[in-house]
Amino acid sequence: MDEVPKLEVHGSVMLVVGMILVLLWSFLVSQWWSVVFLYLAVFFLAEAIWHYAVADRLRHFSKGK
């Protein structure tokens, strides 16, 4: 499999996991330990954005060749 689709699939999985964690956090916001879900959600969403950005950069540079 090519590198760009792998990054996009990985980013999509991280995006879905991040959204699920946000939903879990919003459901359990009254608990003090729910901050863990928020921290993980922010991490996964930031990683998803990073993977999409890297995939776009790789696609842009591969078209320029």
Protein backbone atom coordinates (compact mmCIF):
# COMPACT_ATOMS: atom_id res chain seq x y z
CA MET A 1 0.00 0.00 0.00
CA ASP A 2 1.20 3.48 -0.82
CA GLU A 3 2.36 5.77 1.99
CA VAL A 4 -0.31 8.47 1.49
CA PRO A 5 -3.35 6.17 1.80
CA LYS A 6 -1.82 4.57 4.90
CA LEU A 7 -1.49 8.00 6.51
CA GLU A 8 -5.06 8.91 5.55
CA VAL A 9 -6.47 5.67 6.96
CA HIS A 10 -4.48 6.10 10.14
CA GLY A 11 -5.66 9.71 10.44
CA SER A 12 -9.27 8.64 9.90
CA VAL A 13 -9.04 6.01 12.62
CA MET A 14 -7.53 8.55 15.01
CA LEU A 15 -10.27 11.04 14.14
CA VAL A 16 -13.00 8.51 14.93
CA VAL A 17 -11.31 7.47 18.19
CA GLY A 18 -10.92 11.13 19.16
CA MET A 19 -14.60 11.83 18.54
CA ILE A 20 -15.61 8.78 20.59
CA LEU A 21 -13.39 9.96 23.44
CA VAL A 22 -14.97 13.43 23.28
CA LEU A 23 -18.40 11.83 23.54
CA LEU A 24 -17.27 9.74 26.50
CA TRP A 25 -15.83 12.83 28.16
CA SER A 26 -19.03 14.82 27.61
CA PHE A 27 -21.06 11.99 29.13
CA LEU A 28 -18.78 11.65 32.18
CA VAL A 29 -17.85 15.33 32.63
CA SER A 30 -19.13 15.34 36.21
CA GLN A 31 -16.40 12.87 37.23
CA TRP A 32 -12.98 14.27 38.05
CA TRP A 33 -11.18 11.44 36.26
CA SER A 34 -12.94 12.23 32.98
CA VAL A 35 -10.10 14.68 32.29
CA VAL A 36 -8.17 11.64 31.06
CA PHE A 37 -10.69 11.17 28.25
CA LEU A 38 -10.44 14.85 27.32
CA TYR A 39 -6.63 14.70 27.26
CA LEU A 40 -6.66 11.56 25.10
CA ALA A 41 -9.30 13.05 22.80
CA VAL A 42 -7.24 16.18 22.21
CA PHE A 43 -4.17 14.04 21.58
CA PHE A 44 -5.93 11.80 19.06
CA LEU A 45 -7.58 14.71 17.26
CA ALA A 46 -4.27 16.57 17.01
CA GLU A 47 -2.58 13.42 15.69
CA ALA A 48 -5.36 12.97 13.10
CA ILE A 49 -4.86 16.53 11.87
CA TRP A 50 -1.11 15.93 11.73
CA HIS A 51 -1.53 12.74 9.67
CA TYR A 52 -3.86 14.49 7.21
CA ALA A 53 -1.40 17.39 6.87
CA VAL A 54 1.54 15.05 6.23
CA ALA A 55 -0.50 13.06 3.68
CA ASP A 56 -1.44 16.27 1.86
CA ARG A 57 2.19 17.43 1.85
CA LEU A 58 3.38 14.09 0.47
CA ARG A 59 0.68 14.15 -2.20
CA HIS A 60 1.61 17.73 -3.15
CA PHE A 61 5.33 16.94 -3.47
CA SER A 62 4.73 13.70 -5.38
CA LYS A 63 2.66 15.57 -8.01
CA GLY A 64 5.43 18.12 -8.45
CA LYS A 65 7.94 15.50 -9.62
